[in-house]
Amino acid sequence: RNEKLVSLNLERIAYWLGNGADCTK
């Protein structure tokens, strides 16, 4: 169906960003 699938655990991403983790571009 021309879709690129993404699965994110936003709660854990928010936790790690809150604890000072950086993200790549």
PDBML (XML) file of the C-alpha atoms, coordinates in Angstrom:
<?xml version="1.0" encoding="UTF-8" ?>
<PDBx:datablock datablockName="MODEL"
   xmlns:PDBx="http://pdbml.pdb.org/schema/pdbx-v50.xsd"
   xmlns:xsi="http://www.w3.org/2001/XMLSchema-instance"
   xsi:schemaLocation="http://pdbml.pdb.org/schema/pdbx-v50.xsd pdbx-v50.xsd">
   <PDBx:atom_siteCategory>
      <PDBx:atom_site id="1">
         <PDBx:B_iso_or_equiv>0.00</PDBx:B_iso_or_equiv>
         <PDBx:Cartn_x>0.000</PDBx:Cartn_x>
         <PDBx:Cartn_y>0.000</PDBx:Cartn_y>
         <PDBx:Cartn_z>0.000</PDBx:Cartn_z>
         <PDBx:auth_asym_id>A</PDBx:auth_asym_id>
         <PDBx:auth_atom_id>CA</PDBx:auth_atom_id>
         <PDBx:auth_comp_id>ARG</PDBx:auth_comp_id>
         <PDBx:auth_seq_id>1</PDBx:auth_seq_id>
         <PDBx:group_PDB>ATOM</PDBx:group_PDB>
         <PDBx:label_alt_id xsi:nil="true" />
         <PDBx:label_asym_id>A</PDBx:label_asym_id>
         <PDBx:label_atom_id>CA</PDBx:label_atom_id>
         <PDBx:label_comp_id>ARG</PDBx:label_comp_id>
         <PDBx:label_entity_id>1</PDBx:label_entity_id>
         <PDBx:label_seq_id>1</PDBx:label_seq_id>
         <PDBx:occupancy>1.00</PDBx:occupancy>
         <PDBx:pdbx_PDB_model_num>1</PDBx:pdbx_PDB_model_num>
         <PDBx:type_symbol>C</PDBx:type_symbol>
      </PDBx:atom_site>
      <PDBx:atom_site id="2">
         <PDBx:B_iso_or_equiv>0.00</PDBx:B_iso_or_equiv>
         <PDBx:Cartn_x>3.111</PDBx:Cartn_x>
         <PDBx:Cartn_y>2.214</PDBx:Cartn_y>
         <PDBx:Cartn_z>-0.425</PDBx:Cartn_z>
         <PDBx:auth_asym_id>A</PDBx:auth_asym_id>
         <PDBx:auth_atom_id>CA</PDBx:auth_atom_id>
         <PDBx:auth_comp_id>ASN</PDBx:auth_comp_id>
         <PDBx:auth_seq_id>2</PDBx:auth_seq_id>
         <PDBx:group_PDB>ATOM</PDBx:group_PDB>
         <PDBx:label_alt_id xsi:nil="true" />
         <PDBx:label_asym_id>A</PDBx:label_asym_id>
         <PDBx:label_atom_id>CA</PDBx:label_atom_id>
         <PDBx:label_comp_id>ASN</PDBx:label_comp_id>
         <PDBx:label_entity_id>1</PDBx:label_entity_id>
         <PDBx:label_seq_id>2</PDBx:label_seq_id>
         <PDBx:occupancy>1.00</PDBx:occupancy>
         <PDBx:pdbx_PDB_model_num>1</PDBx:pdbx_PDB_model_num>
         <PDBx:type_symbol>C</PDBx:type_symbol>
      </PDBx:atom_site>
      <PDBx:atom_site id="3">
         <PDBx:B_iso_or_equiv>0.00</PDBx:B_iso_or_equiv>
         <PDBx:Cartn_x>3.493</PDBx:Cartn_x>
         <PDBx:Cartn_y>2.693</PDBx:Cartn_y>
         <PDBx:Cartn_z>3.351</PDBx:Cartn_z>
         <PDBx:auth_asym_id>A</PDBx:auth_asym_id>
         <PDBx:auth_atom_id>CA</PDBx:auth_atom_id>
         <PDBx:auth_comp_id>GLU</PDBx:auth_comp_id>
         <PDBx:auth_seq_id>3</PDBx:auth_seq_id>
         <PDBx:group_PDB>ATOM</PDBx:group_PDB>
         <PDBx:label_alt_id xsi:nil="true" />
         <PDBx:label_asym_id>A</PDBx:label_asym_id>
         <PDBx:label_atom_id>CA</PDBx:label_atom_id>
         <PDBx:label_comp_id>GLU</PDBx:label_comp_id>
         <PDBx:label_entity_id>1</PDBx:label_entity_id>
         <PDBx:label_seq_id>3</PDBx:label_seq_id>
         <PDBx:occupancy>1.00</PDBx:occupancy>
         <PDBx:pdbx_PDB_model_num>1</PDBx:pdbx_PDB_model_num>
         <PDBx:type_symbol>C</PDBx:type_symbol>
      </PDBx:atom_site>
      <PDBx:atom_site id="4">
         <PDBx:B_iso_or_equiv>0.00</PDBx:B_iso_or_equiv>
         <PDBx:Cartn_x>6.719</PDBx:Cartn_x>
         <PDBx:Cartn_y>2.801</PDBx:Cartn_y>
         <PDBx:Cartn_z>5.354</PDBx:Cartn_z>
         <PDBx:auth_asym_id>A</PDBx:auth_asym_id>
         <PDBx:auth_atom_id>CA</PDBx:auth_atom_id>
         <PDBx:auth_comp_id>LYS</PDBx:auth_comp_id>
         <PDBx:auth_seq_id>4</PDBx:auth_seq_id>
         <PDBx:group_PDB>ATOM</PDBx:group_PDB>
         <PDBx:label_alt_id xsi:nil="true" />
         <PDBx:label_asym_id>A</PDBx:label_asym_id>
         <PDBx:label_atom_id>CA</PDBx:label_atom_id>
         <PDBx:label_comp_id>LYS</PDBx:label_comp_id>
         <PDBx:label_entity_id>1</PDBx:label_entity_id>
         <PDBx:label_seq_id>4</PDBx:label_seq_id>
         <PDBx:occupancy>1.00</PDBx:occupancy>
         <PDBx:pdbx_PDB_model_num>1</PDBx:pdbx_PDB_model_num>
         <PDBx:type_symbol>C</PDBx:type_symbol>
      </PDBx:atom_site>
      <PDBx:atom_site id="5">
         <PDBx:B_iso_or_equiv>0.00</PDBx:B_iso_or_equiv>
         <PDBx:Cartn_x>6.038</PDBx:Cartn_x>
         <PDBx:Cartn_y>1.178</PDBx:Cartn_y>
         <PDBx:Cartn_z>8.713</PDBx:Cartn_z>
         <PDBx:auth_asym_id>A</PDBx:auth_asym_id>
         <PDBx:auth_atom_id>CA</PDBx:auth_atom_id>
         <PDBx:auth_comp_id>LEU</PDBx:auth_comp_id>
         <PDBx:auth_seq_id>5</PDBx:auth_seq_id>
         <PDBx:group_PDB>ATOM</PDBx:group_PDB>
         <PDBx:label_alt_id xsi:nil="true" />
         <PDBx:label_asym_id>A</PDBx:label_asym_id>
         <PDBx:label_atom_id>CA</PDBx:label_atom_id>
         <PDBx:label_comp_id>LEU</PDBx:label_comp_id>
         <PDBx:label_entity_id>1</PDBx:label_entity_id>
         <PDBx:label_seq_id>5</PDBx:label_seq_id>
         <PDBx:occupancy>1.00</PDBx:occupancy>
         <PDBx:pdbx_PDB_model_num>1</PDBx:pdbx_PDB_model_num>
         <PDBx:type_symbol>C</PDBx:type_symbol>
      </PDBx:atom_site>
      <PDBx:atom_site id="6">
         <PDBx:B_iso_or_equiv>0.00</PDBx:B_iso_or_equiv>
         <PDBx:Cartn_x>7.193</PDBx:Cartn_x>
         <PDBx:Cartn_y>2.755</PDBx:Cartn_y>
         <PDBx:Cartn_z>11.977</PDBx:Cartn_z>
         <PDBx:auth_asym_id>A</PDBx:auth_asym_id>
         <PDBx:auth_atom_id>CA</PDBx:auth_atom_id>
         <PDBx:auth_comp_id>VAL</PDBx:auth_comp_id>
         <PDBx:auth_seq_id>6</PDBx:auth_seq_id>
         <PDBx:group_PDB>ATOM</PDBx:group_PDB>
         <PDBx:label_alt_id xsi:nil="true" />
         <PDBx:label_asym_id>A</PDBx:label_asym_id>
         <PDBx:label_atom_id>CA</PDBx:label_atom_id>
         <PDBx:label_comp_id>VAL</PDBx:label_comp_id>
         <PDBx:label_entity_id>1</PDBx:label_entity_id>
         <PDBx:label_seq_id>6</PDBx:label_seq_id>
         <PDBx:occupancy>1.00</PDBx:occupancy>
         <PDBx:pdbx_PDB_model_num>1</PDBx:pdbx_PDB_model_num>
         <PDBx:type_symbol>C</PDBx:type_symbol>
      </PDBx:atom_site>
      <PDBx:atom_site id="7">
         <PDBx:B_iso_or_equiv>0.00</PDBx:B_iso_or_equiv>
         <PDBx:Cartn_x>6.712</PDBx:Cartn_x>
         <PDBx:Cartn_y>1.551</PDBx:Cartn_y>
         <PDBx:Cartn_z>15.528</PDBx:Cartn_z>
         <PDBx:auth_asym_id>A</PDBx:auth_asym_id>
         <PDBx:auth_atom_id>CA</PDBx:auth_atom_id>
         <PDBx:auth_comp_id>SER</PDBx:auth_comp_id>
         <PDBx:auth_seq_id>7</PDBx:auth_seq_id>
         <PDBx:group_PDB>ATOM</PDBx:group_PDB>
         <PDBx:label_alt_id xsi:nil="true" />
         <PDBx:label_asym_id>A</PDBx:label_asym_id>
         <PDBx:label_atom_id>CA</PDBx:label_atom_id>
         <PDBx:label_comp_id>SER</PDBx:label_comp_id>
         <PDBx:label_entity_id>1</PDBx:label_entity_id>
         <PDBx:label_seq_id>7</PDBx:label_seq_id>
         <PDBx:occupancy>1.00</PDBx:occupancy>
         <PDBx:pdbx_PDB_model_num>1</PDBx:pdbx_PDB_model_num>
         <PDBx:type_symbol>C</PDBx:type_symbol>
      </PDBx:atom_site>
      <PDBx:atom_site id="8">
         <PDBx:B_iso_or_equiv>0.00</PDBx:B_iso_or_equiv>
         <PDBx:Cartn_x>7.630</PDBx:Cartn_x>
         <PDBx:Cartn_y>3.869</PDBx:Cartn_y>
         <PDBx:Cartn_z>18.411</PDBx:Cartn_z>
         <PDBx:auth_asym_id>A</PDBx:auth_asym_id>
         <PDBx:auth_atom_id>CA</PDBx:auth_atom_id>
         <PDBx:auth_comp_id>LEU</PDBx:auth_comp_id>
         <PDBx:auth_seq_id>8</PDBx:auth_seq_id>
         <PDBx:group_PDB>ATOM</PDBx:group_PDB>
         <PDBx:label_alt_id xsi:nil="true" />
         <PDBx:label_asym_id>A</PDBx:label_asym_id>
         <PDBx:label_atom_id>CA</PDBx:label_atom_id>
         <PDBx:label_comp_id>LEU</PDBx:label_comp_id>
         <PDBx:label_entity_id>1</PDBx:label_entity_id>
         <PDBx:label_seq_id>8</PDBx:label_seq_id>
         <PDBx:occupancy>1.00</PDBx:occupancy>
         <PDBx:pdbx_PDB_model_num>1</PDBx:pdbx_PDB_model_num>
         <PDBx:type_symbol>C</PDBx:type_symbol>
      </PDBx:atom_site>
      <PDBx:atom_site id="9">
         <PDBx:B_iso_or_equiv>0.00</PDBx:B_iso_or_equiv>
         <PDBx:Cartn_x>7.408</PDBx:Cartn_x>
         <PDBx:Cartn_y>3.504</PDBx:Cartn_y>
         <PDBx:Cartn_z>22.179</PDBx:Cartn_z>
         <PDBx:auth_asym_id>A</PDBx:auth_asym_id>
         <PDBx:auth_atom_id>CA</PDBx:auth_atom_id>
         <PDBx:auth_comp_id>ASN</PDBx:auth_comp_id>
         <PDBx:auth_seq_id>9</PDBx:auth_seq_id>
         <PDBx:group_PDB>ATOM</PDBx:group_PDB>
         <PDBx:label_alt_id xsi:nil="true" />
         <PDBx:label_asym_id>A</PDBx:label_asym_id>
         <PDBx:label_atom_id>CA</PDBx:label_atom_id>
         <PDBx:label_comp_id>ASN</PDBx:label_comp_id>
         <PDBx:label_entity_id>1</PDBx:label_entity_id>
         <PDBx:label_seq_id>9</PDBx:label_seq_id>
         <PDBx:occupancy>1.00</PDBx:occupancy>
         <PDBx:pdbx_PDB_model_num>1</PDBx:pdbx_PDB_model_num>
         <PDBx:type_symbol>C</PDBx:type_symbol>
      </PDBx:atom_site>
      <PDBx:atom_site id="10">
         <PDBx:B_iso_or_equiv>0.00</PDBx:B_iso_or_equiv>
         <PDBx:Cartn_x>6.872</PDBx:Cartn_x>
         <PDBx:Cartn_y>7.211</PDBx:Cartn_y>
         <PDBx:Cartn_z>22.859</PDBx:Cartn_z>
         <PDBx:auth_asym_id>A</PDBx:auth_asym_id>
         <PDBx:auth_atom_id>CA</PDBx:auth_atom_id>
         <PDBx:auth_comp_id>LEU</PDBx:auth_comp_id>
         <PDBx:auth_seq_id>10</PDBx:auth_seq_id>
         <PDBx:group_PDB>ATOM</PDBx:group_PDB>
         <PDBx:label_alt_id xsi:nil="true" />
         <PDBx:label_asym_id>A</PDBx:label_asym_id>
         <PDBx:label_atom_id>CA</PDBx:label_atom_id>
         <PDBx:label_comp_id>LEU</PDBx:label_comp_id>
         <PDBx:label_entity_id>1</PDBx:label_entity_id>
         <PDBx:label_seq_id>10</PDBx:label_seq_id>
         <PDBx:occupancy>1.00</PDBx:occupancy>
         <PDBx:pdbx_PDB_model_num>1</PDBx:pdbx_PDB_model_num>
         <PDBx:type_symbol>C</PDBx:type_symbol>
      </PDBx:atom_site>
      <PDBx:atom_site id="11">
         <PDBx:B_iso_or_equiv>0.00</PDBx:B_iso_or_equiv>
         <PDBx:Cartn_x>6.756</PDBx:Cartn_x>
         <PDBx:Cartn_y>6.790</PDBx:Cartn_y>
         <PDBx:Cartn_z>26.646</PDBx:Cartn_z>
         <PDBx:auth_asym_id>A</PDBx:auth_asym_id>
         <PDBx:auth_atom_id>CA</PDBx:auth_atom_id>
         <PDBx:auth_comp_id>GLU</PDBx:auth_comp_id>
         <PDBx:auth_seq_id>11</PDBx:auth_seq_id>
         <PDBx:group_PDB>ATOM</PDBx:group_PDB>
         <PDBx:label_alt_id xsi:nil="true" />
         <PDBx:label_asym_id>A</PDBx:label_asym_id>
         <PDBx:label_atom_id>CA</PDBx:label_atom_id>
         <PDBx:label_comp_id>GLU</PDBx:label_comp_id>
         <PDBx:label_entity_id>1</PDBx:label_entity_id>
         <PDBx:label_seq_id>11</PDBx:label_seq_id>
         <PDBx:occupancy>1.00</PDBx:occupancy>
         <PDBx:pdbx_PDB_model_num>1</PDBx:pdbx_PDB_model_num>
         <PDBx:type_symbol>C</PDBx:type_symbol>
      </PDBx:atom_site>
      <PDBx:atom_site id="12">
         <PDBx:B_iso_or_equiv>0.00</PDBx:B_iso_or_equiv>
         <PDBx:Cartn_x>10.228</PDBx:Cartn_x>
         <PDBx:Cartn_y>5.276</PDBx:Cartn_y>
         <PDBx:Cartn_z>26.743</PDBx:Cartn_z>
         <PDBx:auth_asym_id>A</PDBx:auth_asym_id>
         <PDBx:auth_atom_id>CA</PDBx:auth_atom_id>
         <PDBx:auth_comp_id>ARG</PDBx:auth_comp_id>
         <PDBx:auth_seq_id>12</PDBx:auth_seq_id>
         <PDBx:group_PDB>ATOM</PDBx:group_PDB>
         <PDBx:label_alt_id xsi:nil="true" />
         <PDBx:label_asym_id>A</PDBx:label_asym_id>
         <PDBx:label_atom_id>CA</PDBx:label_atom_id>
         <PDBx:label_comp_id>ARG</PDBx:label_comp_id>
         <PDBx:label_entity_id>1</PDBx:label_entity_id>
         <PDBx:label_seq_id>12</PDBx:label_seq_id>
         <PDBx:occupancy>1.00</PDBx:occupancy>
         <PDBx:pdbx_PDB_model_num>1</PDBx:pdbx_PDB_model_num>
         <PDBx:type_symbol>C</PDBx:type_symbol>
      </PDBx:atom_site>
      <PDBx:atom_site id="13">
         <PDBx:B_iso_or_equiv>0.00</PDBx:B_iso_or_equiv>
         <PDBx:Cartn_x>11.578</PDBx:Cartn_x>
         <PDBx:Cartn_y>7.801</PDBx:Cartn_y>
         <PDBx:Cartn_z>24.211</PDBx:Cartn_z>
         <PDBx:auth_asym_id>A</PDBx:auth_asym_id>
         <PDBx:auth_atom_id>CA</PDBx:auth_atom_id>
         <PDBx:auth_comp_id>ILE</PDBx:auth_comp_id>
         <PDBx:auth_seq_id>13</PDBx:auth_seq_id>
         <PDBx:group_PDB>ATOM</PDBx:group_PDB>
         <PDBx:label_alt_id xsi:nil="true" />
         <PDBx:label_asym_id>A</PDBx:label_asym_id>
         <PDBx:label_atom_id>CA</PDBx:label_atom_id>
         <PDBx:label_comp_id>ILE</PDBx:label_comp_id>
         <PDBx:label_entity_id>1</PDBx:label_entity_id>
         <PDBx:label_seq_id>13</PDBx:label_seq_id>
         <PDBx:occupancy>1.00</PDBx:occupancy>
         <PDBx:pdbx_PDB_model_num>1</PDBx:pdbx_PDB_model_num>
         <PDBx:type_symbol>C</PDBx:type_symbol>
      </PDBx:atom_site>
      <PDBx:atom_site id="14">
         <PDBx:B_iso_or_equiv>0.00</PDBx:B_iso_or_equiv>
         <PDBx:Cartn_x>10.247</PDBx:Cartn_x>
         <PDBx:Cartn_y>10.620</PDBx:Cartn_y>
         <PDBx:Cartn_z>26.410</PDBx:Cartn_z>
         <PDBx:auth_asym_id>A</PDBx:auth_asym_id>
         <PDBx:auth_atom_id>CA</PDBx:auth_atom_id>
         <PDBx:auth_comp_id>ALA</PDBx:auth_comp_id>
         <PDBx:auth_seq_id>14</PDBx:auth_seq_id>
         <PDBx:group_PDB>ATOM</PDBx:group_PDB>
         <PDBx:label_alt_id xsi:nil="true" />
         <PDBx:label_asym_id>A</PDBx:label_asym_id>
         <PDBx:label_atom_id>CA</PDBx:label_atom_id>
         <PDBx:label_comp_id>ALA</PDBx:label_comp_id>
         <PDBx:label_entity_id>1</PDBx:label_entity_id>
         <PDBx:label_seq_id>14</PDBx:label_seq_id>
         <PDBx:occupancy>1.00</PDBx:occupancy>
         <PDBx:pdbx_PDB_model_num>1</PDBx:pdbx_PDB_model_num>
         <PDBx:type_symbol>C</PDBx:type_symbol>
      </PDBx:atom_site>
      <PDBx:atom_site id="15">
         <PDBx:B_iso_or_equiv>0.00</PDBx:B_iso_or_equiv>
         <PDBx:Cartn_x>11.867</PDBx:Cartn_x>
         <PDBx:Cartn_y>8.969</PDBx:Cartn_y>
         <PDBx:Cartn_z>29.440</PDBx:Cartn_z>
         <PDBx:auth_asym_id>A</PDBx:auth_asym_id>
         <PDBx:auth_atom_id>CA</PDBx:auth_atom_id>
         <PDBx:auth_comp_id>TYR</PDBx:auth_comp_id>
         <PDBx:auth_seq_id>15</PDBx:auth_seq_id>
         <PDBx:group_PDB>ATOM</PDBx:group_PDB>
         <PDBx:label_alt_id xsi:nil="true" />
         <PDBx:label_asym_id>A</PDBx:label_asym_id>
         <PDBx:label_atom_id>CA</PDBx:label_atom_id>
         <PDBx:label_comp_id>TYR</PDBx:label_comp_id>
         <PDBx:label_entity_id>1</PDBx:label_entity_id>
         <PDBx:label_seq_id>15</PDBx:label_seq_id>
         <PDBx:occupancy>1.00</PDBx:occupancy>
         <PDBx:pdbx_PDB_model_num>1</PDBx:pdbx_PDB_model_num>
         <PDBx:type_symbol>C</PDBx:type_symbol>
      </PDBx:atom_site>
      <PDBx:atom_site id="16">
         <PDBx:B_iso_or_equiv>0.00</PDBx:B_iso_or_equiv>
         <PDBx:Cartn_x>15.288</PDBx:Cartn_x>
         <PDBx:Cartn_y>8.757</PDBx:Cartn_y>
         <PDBx:Cartn_z>27.780</PDBx:Cartn_z>
         <PDBx:auth_asym_id>A</PDBx:auth_asym_id>
         <PDBx:auth_atom_id>CA</PDBx:auth_atom_id>
         <PDBx:auth_comp_id>TRP</PDBx:auth_comp_id>
         <PDBx:auth_seq_id>16</PDBx:auth_seq_id>
         <PDBx:group_PDB>ATOM</PDBx:group_PDB>
         <PDBx:label_alt_id xsi:nil="true" />
         <PDBx:label_asym_id>A</PDBx:label_asym_id>
         <PDBx:label_atom_id>CA</PDBx:label_atom_id>
         <PDBx:label_comp_id>TRP</PDBx:label_comp_id>
         <PDBx:label_entity_id>1</PDBx:label_entity_id>
         <PDBx:label_seq_id>16</PDBx:label_seq_id>
         <PDBx:occupancy>1.00</PDBx:occupancy>
         <PDBx:pdbx_PDB_model_num>1</PDBx:pdbx_PDB_model_num>
         <PDBx:type_symbol>C</PDBx:type_symbol>
      </PDBx:atom_site>
      <PDBx:atom_site id="17">
         <PDBx:B_iso_or_equiv>0.00</PDBx:B_iso_or_equiv>
         <PDBx:Cartn_x>15.103</PDBx:Cartn_x>
         <PDBx:Cartn_y>12.280</PDBx:Cartn_y>
         <PDBx:Cartn_z>26.351</PDBx:Cartn_z>
         <PDBx:auth_asym_id>A</PDBx:auth_asym_id>
         <PDBx:auth_atom_id>CA</PDBx:auth_atom_id>
         <PDBx:auth_comp_id>LEU</PDBx:auth_comp_id>
         <PDBx:auth_seq_id>17</PDBx:auth_seq_id>
         <PDBx:group_PDB>ATOM</PDBx:group_PDB>
         <PDBx:label_alt_id xsi:nil="true" />
         <PDBx:label_asym_id>A</PDBx:label_asym_id>
         <PDBx:label_atom_id>CA</PDBx:label_atom_id>
         <PDBx:label_comp_id>LEU</PDBx:label_comp_id>
         <PDBx:label_entity_id>1</PDBx:label_entity_id>
         <PDBx:label_seq_id>17</PDBx:label_seq_id>
         <PDBx:occupancy>1.00</PDBx:occupancy>
         <PDBx:pdbx_PDB_model_num>1</PDBx:pdbx_PDB_model_num>
         <PDBx:type_symbol>C</PDBx:type_symbol>
      </PDBx:atom_site>
      <PDBx:atom_site id="18">
         <PDBx:B_iso_or_equiv>0.00</PDBx:B_iso_or_equiv>
         <PDBx:Cartn_x>14.143</PDBx:Cartn_x>
         <PDBx:Cartn_y>13.509</PDBx:Cartn_y>
         <PDBx:Cartn_z>29.823</PDBx:Cartn_z>
         <PDBx:auth_asym_id>A</PDBx:auth_asym_id>
         <PDBx:auth_atom_id>CA</PDBx:auth_atom_id>
         <PDBx:auth_comp_id>GLY</PDBx:auth_comp_id>
         <PDBx:auth_seq_id>18</PDBx:auth_seq_id>
         <PDBx:group_PDB>ATOM</PDBx:group_PDB>
         <PDBx:label_alt_id xsi:nil="true" />
         <PDBx:label_asym_id>A</PDBx:label_asym_id>
         <PDBx:label_atom_id>CA</PDBx:label_atom_id>
         <PDBx:label_comp_id>GLY</PDBx:label_comp_id>
         <PDBx:label_entity_id>1</PDBx:label_entity_id>
         <PDBx:label_seq_id>18</PDBx:label_seq_id>
         <PDBx:occupancy>1.00</PDBx:occupancy>
         <PDBx:pdbx_PDB_model_num>1</PDBx:pdbx_PDB_model_num>
         <PDBx:type_symbol>C</PDBx:type_symbol>
      </PDBx:atom_site>
      <PDBx:atom_site id="19">
         <PDBx:B_iso_or_equiv>0.00</PDBx:B_iso_or_equiv>
         <PDBx:Cartn_x>17.210</PDBx:Cartn_x>
         <PDBx:Cartn_y>11.777</PDBx:Cartn_y>
         <PDBx:Cartn_z>31.254</PDBx:Cartn_z>
         <PDBx:auth_asym_id>A</PDBx:auth_asym_id>
         <PDBx:auth_atom_id>CA</PDBx:auth_atom_id>
         <PDBx:auth_comp_id>ASN</PDBx:auth_comp_id>
         <PDBx:auth_seq_id>19</PDBx:auth_seq_id>
         <PDBx:group_PDB>ATOM</PDBx:group_PDB>
         <PDBx:label_alt_id xsi:nil="true" />
         <PDBx:label_asym_id>A</PDBx:label_asym_id>
         <PDBx:label_atom_id>CA</PDBx:label_atom_id>
         <PDBx:label_comp_id>ASN</PDBx:label_comp_id>
         <PDBx:label_entity_id>1</PDBx:label_entity_id>
         <PDBx:label_seq_id>19</PDBx:label_seq_id>
         <PDBx:occupancy>1.00</PDBx:occupancy>
         <PDBx:pdbx_PDB_model_num>1</PDBx:pdbx_PDB_model_num>
         <PDBx:type_symbol>C</PDBx:type_symbol>
      </PDBx:atom_site>
      <PDBx:atom_site id="20">
         <PDBx:B_iso_or_equiv>0.00</PDBx:B_iso_or_equiv>
         <PDBx:Cartn_x>19.546</PDBx:Cartn_x>
         <PDBx:Cartn_y>13.554</PDBx:Cartn_y>
         <PDBx:Cartn_z>28.862</PDBx:Cartn_z>
         <PDBx:auth_asym_id>A</PDBx:auth_asym_id>
         <PDBx:auth_atom_id>CA</PDBx:auth_atom_id>
         <PDBx:auth_comp_id>GLY</PDBx:auth_comp_id>
         <PDBx:auth_seq_id>20</PDBx:auth_seq_id>
         <PDBx:group_PDB>ATOM</PDBx:group_PDB>
         <PDBx:label_alt_id xsi:nil="true" />
         <PDBx:label_asym_id>A</PDBx:label_asym_id>
         <PDBx:label_atom_id>CA</PDBx:label_atom_id>
         <PDBx:label_comp_id>GLY</PDBx:label_comp_id>
         <PDBx:label_entity_id>1</PDBx:label_entity_id>
         <PDBx:label_seq_id>20</PDBx:label_seq_id>
         <PDBx:occupancy>1.00</PDBx:occupancy>
         <PDBx:pdbx_PDB_model_num>1</PDBx:pdbx_PDB_model_num>
         <PDBx:type_symbol>C</PDBx:type_symbol>
      </PDBx:atom_site>
      <PDBx:atom_site id="21">
         <PDBx:B_iso_or_equiv>0.00</PDBx:B_iso_or_equiv>
         <PDBx:Cartn_x>19.785</PDBx:Cartn_x>
         <PDBx:Cartn_y>11.195</PDBx:Cartn_y>
         <PDBx:Cartn_z>25.880</PDBx:Cartn_z>
         <PDBx:auth_asym_id>A</PDBx:auth_asym_id>
         <PDBx:auth_atom_id>CA</PDBx:auth_atom_id>
         <PDBx:auth_comp_id>ALA</PDBx:auth_comp_id>
         <PDBx:auth_seq_id>21</PDBx:auth_seq_id>
         <PDBx:group_PDB>ATOM</PDBx:group_PDB>
         <PDBx:label_alt_id xsi:nil="true" />
         <PDBx:label_asym_id>A</PDBx:label_asym_id>
         <PDBx:label_atom_id>CA</PDBx:label_atom_id>
         <PDBx:label_comp_id>ALA</PDBx:label_comp_id>
         <PDBx:label_entity_id>1</PDBx:label_entity_id>
         <PDBx:label_seq_id>21</PDBx:label_seq_id>
         <PDBx:occupancy>1.00</PDBx:occupancy>
         <PDBx:pdbx_PDB_model_num>1</PDBx:pdbx_PDB_model_num>
         <PDBx:type_symbol>C</PDBx:type_symbol>
      </PDBx:atom_site>
      <PDBx:atom_site id="22">
         <PDBx:B_iso_or_equiv>0.00</PDBx:B_iso_or_equiv>
         <PDBx:Cartn_x>20.469</PDBx:Cartn_x>
         <PDBx:Cartn_y>12.783</PDBx:Cartn_y>
         <PDBx:Cartn_z>22.485</PDBx:Cartn_z>
         <PDBx:auth_asym_id>A</PDBx:auth_asym_id>
         <PDBx:auth_atom_id>CA</PDBx:auth_atom_id>
         <PDBx:auth_comp_id>ASP</PDBx:auth_comp_id>
         <PDBx:auth_seq_id>22</PDBx:auth_seq_id>
         <PDBx:group_PDB>ATOM</PDBx:group_PDB>
         <PDBx:label_alt_id xsi:nil="true" />
         <PDBx:label_asym_id>A</PDBx:label_asym_id>
         <PDBx:label_atom_id>CA</PDBx:label_atom_id>
         <PDBx:label_comp_id>ASP</PDBx:label_comp_id>
         <PDBx:label_entity_id>1</PDBx:label_entity_id>
         <PDBx:label_seq_id>22</PDBx:label_seq_id>
         <PDBx:occupancy>1.00</PDBx:occupancy>
         <PDBx:pdbx_PDB_model_num>1</PDBx:pdbx_PDB_model_num>
         <PDBx:type_symbol>C</PDBx:type_symbol>
      </PDBx:atom_site>
      <PDBx:atom_site id="23">
         <PDBx:B_iso_or_equiv>0.00</PDBx:B_iso_or_equiv>
         <PDBx:Cartn_x>19.034</PDBx:Cartn_x>
         <PDBx:Cartn_y>11.757</PDBx:Cartn_y>
         <PDBx:Cartn_z>19.108</PDBx:Cartn_z>
         <PDBx:auth_asym_id>A</PDBx:auth_asym_id>
         <PDBx:auth_atom_id>CA</PDBx:auth_atom_id>
         <PDBx:auth_comp_id>CYS</PDBx:auth_comp_id>
         <PDBx:auth_seq_id>23</PDBx:auth_seq_id>
         <PDBx:group_PDB>ATOM</PDBx:group_PDB>
         <PDBx:label_alt_id xsi:nil="true" />
         <PDBx:label_asym_id>A</PDBx:label_asym_id>
         <PDBx:label_atom_id>CA</PDBx:label_atom_id>
         <PDBx:label_comp_id>CYS</PDBx:label_comp_id>
         <PDBx:label_entity_id>1</PDBx:label_entity_id>
         <PDBx:label_seq_id>23</PDBx:label_seq_id>
         <PDBx:occupancy>1.00</PDBx:occupancy>
         <PDBx:pdbx_PDB_model_num>1</PDBx:pdbx_PDB_model_num>
         <PDBx:type_symbol>C</PDBx:type_symbol>
      </PDBx:atom_site>
      <PDBx:atom_site id="24">
         <PDBx:B_iso_or_equiv>0.00</PDBx:B_iso_or_equiv>
         <PDBx:Cartn_x>20.806</PDBx:Cartn_x>
         <PDBx:Cartn_y>11.337</PDBx:Cartn_y>
         <PDBx:Cartn_z>15.798</PDBx:Cartn_z>
         <PDBx:auth_asym_id>A</PDBx:auth_asym_id>
         <PDBx:auth_atom_id>CA</PDBx:auth_atom_id>
         <PDBx:auth_comp_id>THR</PDBx:auth_comp_id>
         <PDBx:auth_seq_id>24</PDBx:auth_seq_id>
         <PDBx:group_PDB>ATOM</PDBx:group_PDB>
         <PDBx:label_alt_id xsi:nil="true" />
         <PDBx:label_asym_id>A</PDBx:label_asym_id>
         <PDBx:label_atom_id>CA</PDBx:label_atom_id>
         <PDBx:label_comp_id>THR</PDBx:label_comp_id>
         <PDBx:label_entity_id>1</PDBx:label_entity_id>
         <PDBx:label_seq_id>24</PDBx:label_seq_id>
         <PDBx:occupancy>1.00</PDBx:occupancy>
         <PDBx:pdbx_PDB_model_num>1</PDBx:pdbx_PDB_model_num>
         <PDBx:type_symbol>C</PDBx:type_symbol>
      </PDBx:atom_site>
      <PDBx:atom_site id="25">
         <PDBx:B_iso_or_equiv>0.00</PDBx:B_iso_or_equiv>
         <PDBx:Cartn_x>19.554</PDBx:Cartn_x>
         <PDBx:Cartn_y>13.455</PDBx:Cartn_y>
         <PDBx:Cartn_z>12.884</PDBx:Cartn_z>
         <PDBx:auth_asym_id>A</PDBx:auth_asym_id>
         <PDBx:auth_atom_id>CA</PDBx:auth_atom_id>
         <PDBx:auth_comp_id>LYS</PDBx:auth_comp_id>
         <PDBx:auth_seq_id>25</PDBx:auth_seq_id>
         <PDBx:group_PDB>ATOM</PDBx:group_PDB>
         <PDBx:label_alt_id xsi:nil="true" />
         <PDBx:label_asym_id>A</PDBx:label_asym_id>
         <PDBx:label_atom_id>CA</PDBx:label_atom_id>
         <PDBx:label_comp_id>LYS</PDBx:label_comp_id>
         <PDBx:label_entity_id>1</PDBx:label_entity_id>
         <PDBx:label_seq_id>25</PDBx:label_seq_id>
         <PDBx:occupancy>1.00</PDBx:occupancy>
         <PDBx:pdbx_PDB_model_num>1</PDBx:pdbx_PDB_model_num>
         <PDBx:type_symbol>C</PDBx:type_symbol>
      </PDBx:atom_site>
   </PDBx:atom_siteCategory>
</PDBx:datablock>
